[in-house]
């Protein structure tokens, strides 16, 4: 279930993204590359968006079936 209507993340994914952002900031402040950490966050965002898009498509299909009867 999405955290809000505006974003595709559930609570666990949102917490994970916040944690990864903090880790990236810490790495960057120490002069290290945050590339890998940011890639993990991007992957979480992609998966969440794909899941929500699939749910929206399923809802649209169900709505279409109800209205064509």
PDB file of N, CA and C in Angstrom:
ATOM      1  N   UNK A   1       0.844  -1.174   0.000  1.00  0.00           N
ATOM      2  CA  UNK A   1       0.000   0.000   0.000  1.00  0.00           C
ATOM      3  C   UNK A   1       0.892   1.242   0.000  1.00  0.00           C
ATOM      4  N   UNK A   2       0.568   2.167  -0.861  1.00  0.00           N
ATOM      5  CA  UNK A   2       1.360   3.387  -0.982  1.00  0.00           C
ATOM      6  C   UNK A   2       1.225   4.239   0.275  1.00  0.00           C
ATOM      7  N   UNK A   3       2.281   4.948   0.589  1.00  0.00           N
ATOM      8  CA  UNK A   3       2.306   5.801   1.773  1.00  0.00           C
ATOM      9  C   UNK A   3       1.314   6.954   1.631  1.00  0.00           C
ATOM     10  N   UNK A   4       1.288   7.599   0.463  1.00  0.00           N
ATOM     11  CA  UNK A   4       0.321   8.661   0.176  1.00  0.00           C
ATOM     12  C   UNK A   4      -0.187   8.470  -1.251  1.00  0.00           C
ATOM     13  N   UNK A   5      -1.137   9.289  -1.642  1.00  0.00           N
ATOM     14  CA  UNK A   5      -1.649   9.236  -3.008  1.00  0.00           C
ATOM     15  C   UNK A   5      -0.653   9.802  -4.016  1.00  0.00           C
ATOM     16  N   UNK A   6       0.274  10.601  -3.537  1.00  0.00           N
ATOM     17  CA  UNK A   6       1.193  11.311  -4.416  1.00  0.00           C
ATOM     18  C   UNK A   6       2.446  10.521  -4.776  1.00  0.00           C
ATOM     19  N   UNK A   7       2.833   9.553  -3.970  1.00  0.00           N
ATOM     20  CA  UNK A   7       4.064   8.815  -4.245  1.00  0.00           C
ATOM     21  C   UNK A   7       3.810   7.302  -4.229  1.00  0.00           C
ATOM     22  N   UNK A   8       4.673   6.538  -4.860  1.00  0.00           N
ATOM     23  CA  UNK A   8       4.451   5.103  -4.987  1.00  0.00           C
ATOM     24  C   UNK A   8       5.051   4.273  -3.862  1.00  0.00           C
ATOM     25  N   UNK A   9       5.669   4.884  -2.863  1.00  0.00           N
ATOM     26  CA  UNK A   9       6.403   4.131  -1.851  1.00  0.00           C
ATOM     27  C   UNK A   9       5.509   3.683  -0.712  1.00  0.00           C
ATOM     28  N   UNK A  10       5.779   2.468  -0.227  1.00  0.00           N
ATOM     29  CA  UNK A  10       5.138   2.068   1.015  1.00  0.00           C
ATOM     30  C   UNK A  10       6.032   2.546   2.157  1.00  0.00           C
ATOM     31  N   UNK A  11       5.621   2.327   3.388  1.00  0.00           N
ATOM     32  CA  UNK A  11       6.358   2.857   4.535  1.00  0.00           C
ATOM     33  C   UNK A  11       7.772   2.291   4.603  1.00  0.00           C
ATOM     34  N   UNK A  12       7.918   1.014   4.322  1.00  0.00           N
ATOM     35  CA  UNK A  12       9.239   0.391   4.385  1.00  0.00           C
ATOM     36  C   UNK A  12      10.187   0.989   3.339  1.00  0.00           C
ATOM     37  N   UNK A  13       9.690   1.169   2.123  1.00  0.00           N
ATOM     38  CA  UNK A  13      10.514   1.733   1.057  1.00  0.00           C
ATOM     39  C   UNK A  13      10.887   3.185   1.362  1.00  0.00           C
ATOM     40  N   UNK A  14       9.956   3.943   1.910  1.00  0.00           N
ATOM     41  CA  UNK A  14      10.237   5.333   2.252  1.00  0.00           C
ATOM     42  C   UNK A  14      11.324   5.403   3.320  1.00  0.00           C
ATOM     43  N   UNK A  15      11.233   4.551   4.326  1.00  0.00           N
ATOM     44  CA  UNK A  15      12.247   4.527   5.379  1.00  0.00           C
ATOM     45  C   UNK A  15      13.606   4.119   4.801  1.00  0.00           C
ATOM     46  N   UNK A  16      13.608   3.161   3.912  1.00  0.00           N
ATOM     47  CA  UNK A  16      14.856   2.697   3.303  1.00  0.00           C
ATOM     48  C   UNK A  16      15.501   3.806   2.461  1.00  0.00           C
ATOM     49  N   UNK A  17      14.697   4.550   1.723  1.00  0.00           N
ATOM     50  CA  UNK A  17      15.225   5.644   0.906  1.00  0.00           C
ATOM     51  C   UNK A  17      15.812   6.744   1.790  1.00  0.00           C
ATOM     52  N   UNK A  18      15.143   7.060   2.893  1.00  0.00           N
ATOM     53  CA  UNK A  18      15.671   8.071   3.816  1.00  0.00           C
ATOM     54  C   UNK A  18      16.999   7.599   4.398  1.00  0.00           C
ATOM     55  N   UNK A  19      17.081   6.340   4.784  1.00  0.00           N
ATOM     56  CA  UNK A  19      18.319   5.783   5.318  1.00  0.00           C
ATOM     57  C   UNK A  19      19.441   5.837   4.281  1.00  0.00           C
ATOM     58  N   UNK A  20      19.137   5.467   3.060  1.00  0.00           N
ATOM     59  CA  UNK A  20      20.145   5.494   2.005  1.00  0.00           C
ATOM     60  C   UNK A  20      20.603   6.920   1.704  1.00  0.00           C
ATOM     61  N   UNK A  21      19.688   7.874   1.768  1.00  0.00           N
ATOM     62  CA  UNK A  21      20.062   9.272   1.547  1.00  0.00           C
ATOM     63  C   UNK A  21      21.010   9.753   2.642  1.00  0.00           C
ATOM     64  N   UNK A  22      20.741   9.346   3.875  1.00  0.00           N
ATOM     65  CA  UNK A  22      21.629   9.713   4.980  1.00  0.00           C
ATOM     66  C   UNK A  22      23.009   9.081   4.794  1.00  0.00           C
ATOM     67  N   UNK A  23      23.033   7.833   4.373  1.00  0.00           N
ATOM     68  CA  UNK A  23      24.313   7.162   4.130  1.00  0.00           C
ATOM     69  C   UNK A  23      25.083   7.840   3.002  1.00  0.00           C
ATOM     70  N   UNK A  24      24.370   8.244   1.962  1.00  0.00           N
ATOM     71  CA  UNK A  24      25.026   8.922   0.832  1.00  0.00           C
ATOM     72  C   UNK A  24      25.618  10.252   1.294  1.00  0.00           C
ATOM     73  N   UNK A  25      24.887  10.994   2.106  1.00  0.00           N
ATOM     74  CA  UNK A  25      25.387  12.268   2.603  1.00  0.00           C
ATOM     75  C   UNK A  25      26.619  12.056   3.484  1.00  0.00           C
ATOM     76  N   UNK A  26      26.588  11.019   4.289  1.00  0.00           N
ATOM     77  CA  UNK A  26      27.729  10.717   5.158  1.00  0.00           C
ATOM     78  C   UNK A  26      28.959  10.348   4.332  1.00  0.00           C
ATOM     79  N   UNK A  27      28.764   9.492   3.338  1.00  0.00           N
ATOM     80  CA  UNK A  27      29.881   9.098   2.475  1.00  0.00           C
ATOM     81  C   UNK A  27      30.455  10.314   1.751  1.00  0.00           C
ATOM     82  N   UNK A  28      29.564  11.156   1.242  1.00  0.00           N
ATOM     83  CA  UNK A  28      30.005  12.324   0.502  1.00  0.00           C
ATOM     84  C   UNK A  28      30.778  13.289   1.402  1.00  0.00           C
ATOM     85  N   UNK A  29      30.340  13.418   2.652  1.00  0.00           N
ATOM     86  CA  UNK A  29      31.029  14.318   3.578  1.00  0.00           C
ATOM     87  C   UNK A  29      32.424  13.810   3.924  1.00  0.00           C
ATOM     88  N   UNK A  30      32.629  12.507   3.801  1.00  0.00           N
ATOM     89  CA  UNK A  30      33.942  11.916   4.065  1.00  0.00           C
ATOM     90  C   UNK A  30      34.802  11.859   2.803  1.00  0.00           C
ATOM     91  N   UNK A  31      34.288  12.379   1.700  1.00  0.00           N
ATOM     92  CA  UNK A  31      35.054  12.436   0.466  1.00  0.00           C
ATOM     93  C   UNK A  31      34.984  11.169  -0.368  1.00  0.00           C
ATOM     94  N   UNK A  32      34.021  10.312  -0.070  1.00  0.00           N
ATOM     95  CA  UNK A  32      33.875   9.069  -0.831  1.00  0.00           C
ATOM     96  C   UNK A  32      32.686   9.188  -1.781  1.00  0.00           C
ATOM     97  N   UNK A  33      32.651   8.335  -2.759  1.00  0.00           N
ATOM     98  CA  UNK A  33      31.592   8.378  -3.759  1.00  0.00           C
ATOM     99  C   UNK A  33      30.312   7.718  -3.229  1.00  0.00           C
ATOM    100  N   UNK A  34      29.180   8.421  -3.316  1.00  0.00           N
ATOM    101  CA  UNK A  34      27.911   7.840  -2.881  1.00  0.00           C
ATOM    102  C   UNK A  34      27.183   7.118  -4.021  1.00  0.00           C
ATOM    103  N   UNK A  35      27.879   6.842  -5.107  1.00  0.00           N
ATOM    104  CA  UNK A  35      27.246   6.307  -6.314  1.00  0.00           C
ATOM    105  C   UNK A  35      26.455   5.023  -6.046  1.00  0.00           C
ATOM    106  N   UNK A  36      27.059   4.068  -5.375  1.00  0.00           N
ATOM    107  CA  UNK A  36      26.390   2.778  -5.144  1.00  0.00           C
ATOM    108  C   UNK A  36      25.149   2.936  -4.270  1.00  0.00           C
ATOM    109  N   UNK A  37      25.251   3.756  -3.247  1.00  0.00           N
ATOM    110  CA  UNK A  37      24.117   3.981  -2.354  1.00  0.00           C
ATOM    111  C   UNK A  37      22.972   4.652  -3.113  1.00  0.00           C
ATOM    112  N   UNK A  38      23.303   5.619  -3.943  1.00  0.00           N
ATOM    113  CA  UNK A  38      22.275   6.305  -4.724  1.00  0.00           C
ATOM    114  C   UNK A  38      21.649   5.383  -5.767  1.00  0.00           C
ATOM    115  N   UNK A  39      22.428   4.447  -6.287  1.00  0.00           N
ATOM    116  CA  UNK A  39      21.880   3.462  -7.224  1.00  0.00           C
ATOM    117  C   UNK A  39      20.864   2.551  -6.526  1.00  0.00           C
ATOM    118  N   UNK A  40      21.143   2.182  -5.280  1.00  0.00           N
ATOM    119  CA  UNK A  40      20.196   1.363  -4.522  1.00  0.00           C
ATOM    120  C   UNK A  40      18.879   2.112  -4.329  1.00  0.00           C
ATOM    121  N   UNK A  41      18.972   3.383  -3.982  1.00  0.00           N
ATOM    122  CA  UNK A  41      17.769   4.199  -3.789  1.00  0.00           C
ATOM    123  C   UNK A  41      16.991   4.329  -5.096  1.00  0.00           C
ATOM    124  N   UNK A  42      17.706   4.514  -6.189  1.00  0.00           N
ATOM    125  CA  UNK A  42      17.047   4.629  -7.492  1.00  0.00           C
ATOM    126  C   UNK A  42      16.326   3.331  -7.843  1.00  0.00           C
ATOM    127  N   UNK A  43      16.944   2.209  -7.538  1.00  0.00           N
ATOM    128  CA  UNK A  43      16.315   0.909  -7.825  1.00  0.00           C
ATOM    129  C   UNK A  43      15.035   0.724  -7.009  1.00  0.00           C
ATOM    130  N   UNK A  44      15.055   1.138  -5.757  1.00  0.00           N
ATOM    131  CA  UNK A  44      13.848   1.063  -4.915  1.00  0.00           C
ATOM    132  C   UNK A  44      12.749   1.918  -5.530  1.00  0.00           C
ATOM    133  N   UNK A  45      13.109   3.127  -5.971  1.00  0.00           N
ATOM    134  CA  UNK A  45      12.113   4.015  -6.587  1.00  0.00           C
ATOM    135  C   UNK A  45      11.545   3.408  -7.865  1.00  0.00           C
ATOM    136  N   UNK A  46      12.390   2.798  -8.680  1.00  0.00           N
ATOM    137  CA  UNK A  46      11.926   2.182  -9.928  1.00  0.00           C
ATOM    138  C   UNK A  46      10.955   1.041  -9.656  1.00  0.00           C
ATOM    139  N   UNK A  47      11.314   0.176  -8.708  1.00  0.00           N
ATOM    140  CA  UNK A  47      10.444  -0.960  -8.390  1.00  0.00           C
ATOM    141  C   UNK A  47       9.101  -0.503  -7.831  1.00  0.00           C
ATOM    142  N   UNK A  48       9.135   0.507  -6.984  1.00  0.00           N
ATOM    143  CA  UNK A  48       7.888   1.031  -6.416  1.00  0.00           C
ATOM    144  C   UNK A  48       7.012   1.622  -7.505  1.00  0.00           C
ATOM    145  N   UNK A  49       7.620   2.364  -8.424  1.00  0.00           N
ATOM    146  CA  UNK A  49       6.846   2.964  -9.510  1.00  0.00           C
ATOM    147  C   UNK A  49       6.260   1.897 -10.427  1.00  0.00           C
ATOM    148  N   UNK A  50       7.033   0.876 -10.744  1.00  0.00           N
ATOM    149  CA  UNK A  50       6.535  -0.218 -11.582  1.00  0.00           C
ATOM    150  C   UNK A  50       5.344  -0.911 -10.918  1.00  0.00           C
ATOM    151  N   UNK A  51       5.453  -1.165  -9.603  1.00  0.00           N
ATOM    152  CA  UNK A  51       4.370  -1.819  -8.873  1.00  0.00           C
ATOM    153  C   UNK A  51       3.102  -0.970  -8.899  1.00  0.00           C
ATOM    154  N   UNK A  52       3.248   0.321  -8.640  1.00  0.00           N
ATOM    155  CA  UNK A  52       2.076   1.195  -8.626  1.00  0.00           C
ATOM    156  C   UNK A  52       1.482   1.361 -10.024  1.00  0.00           C
ATOM    157  N   UNK A  53       2.312   1.384 -11.052  1.00  0.00           N
ATOM    158  CA  UNK A  53       1.810   1.452 -12.430  1.00  0.00           C
ATOM    159  C   UNK A  53       1.021   0.195 -12.776  1.00  0.00           C
ATOM    160  N   UNK A  54       1.517  -0.958 -12.335  1.00  0.00           N
ATOM    161  CA  UNK A  54       0.809  -2.219 -12.586  1.00  0.00           C
ATOM    162  C   UNK A  54      -0.539  -2.235 -11.865  1.00  0.00           C
ATOM    163  N   UNK A  55      -0.562  -1.723 -10.639  1.00  0.00           N
ATOM    164  CA  UNK A  55      -1.826  -1.651  -9.895  1.00  0.00           C
ATOM    165  C   UNK A  55      -2.817  -0.719 -10.586  1.00  0.00           C
ATOM    166  N   UNK A  56      -2.320   0.408 -11.070  1.00  0.00           N
ATOM    167  CA  UNK A  56      -3.189   1.364 -11.754  1.00  0.00           C
ATOM    168  C   UNK A  56      -3.742   0.765 -13.036  1.00  0.00           C
ATOM    169  N   UNK A  57      -2.913   0.017 -13.766  1.00  0.00           N
ATOM    170  CA  UNK A  57      -3.378  -0.633 -14.990  1.00  0.00           C
ATOM    171  C   UNK A  57      -4.431  -1.684 -14.678  1.00  0.00           C
ATOM    172  N   UNK A  58      -4.229  -2.431 -13.603  1.00  0.00           N
ATOM    173  CA  UNK A  58      -5.207  -3.449 -13.210  1.00  0.00           C
ATOM    174  C   UNK A  58      -6.532  -2.801 -12.806  1.00  0.00           C
ATOM    175  N   UNK A  59      -6.456  -1.676 -12.090  1.00  0.00           N
ATOM    176  CA  UNK A  59      -7.685  -0.966 -11.708  1.00  0.00           C
ATOM    177  C   UNK A  59      -8.409  -0.441 -12.939  1.00  0.00           C
ATOM    178  N   UNK A  60      -7.662   0.083 -13.899  1.00  0.00           N
ATOM    179  CA  UNK A  60      -8.267   0.599 -15.124  1.00  0.00           C
ATOM    180  C   UNK A  60      -8.927  -0.535 -15.909  1.00  0.00           C
ATOM    181  N   UNK A  61      -8.272  -1.671 -15.966  1.00  0.00           N
ATOM    182  CA  UNK A  61      -8.833  -2.832 -16.668  1.00  0.00           C
ATOM    183  C   UNK A  61     -10.107  -3.316 -15.986  1.00  0.00           C
ATOM    184  N   UNK A  62     -10.089  -3.364 -14.657  1.00  0.00           N
ATOM    185  CA  UNK A  62     -11.281  -3.789 -13.916  1.00  0.00           C
ATOM    186  C   UNK A  62     -12.423  -2.800 -14.124  1.00  0.00           C
ATOM    187  N   UNK A  63     -12.099  -1.516 -14.147  1.00  0.00           N
ATOM    188  CA  UNK A  63     -13.117  -0.484 -14.368  1.00  0.00           C
ATOM    189  C   UNK A  63     -13.697  -0.613 -15.765  1.00  0.00           C
ATOM    190  N   UNK A  64     -12.840  -0.932 -16.743  1.00  0.00           N
ATOM    191  CA  UNK A  64     -13.305  -1.091 -18.116  1.00  0.00           C
ATOM    192  C   UNK A  64     -14.245  -2.288 -18.229  1.00  0.00           C
ATOM    193  N   UNK A  65     -13.904  -3.372 -17.537  1.00  0.00           N
ATOM    194  CA  UNK A  65     -14.747  -4.569 -17.589  1.00  0.00           C
ATOM    195  C   UNK A  65     -16.109  -4.313 -16.957  1.00  0.00           C
ATOM    196  N   UNK A  66     -16.134  -3.535 -15.851  1.00  0.00           N
ATOM    197  CA  UNK A  66     -17.410  -3.242 -15.199  1.00  0.00           C
ATOM    198  C   UNK A  66     -18.311  -2.404 -16.072  1.00  0.00           C
ATOM    199  N   UNK A  67     -17.732  -1.493 -16.823  1.00  0.00           N
ATOM    200  CA  UNK A  67     -18.540  -0.570 -17.627  1.00  0.00           C
ATOM    201  C   UNK A  67     -18.924  -1.135 -18.998  1.00  0.00           C
ATOM    202  N   UNK A  68     -18.367  -2.234 -19.403  1.00  0.00           N
ATOM    203  CA  UNK A  68     -18.698  -2.782 -20.714  1.00  0.00           C
ATOM    204  C   UNK A  68     -19.790  -3.845 -20.629  1.00  0.00           C
ATOM    205  N   UNK A  69     -20.198  -4.174 -19.453  1.00  0.00           N
ATOM    206  CA  UNK A  69     -21.246  -5.192 -19.316  1.00  0.00           C
ATOM    207  C   UNK A  69     -22.591  -4.678 -19.646  1.00  0.00           C
TER     208      UNK A  69
END
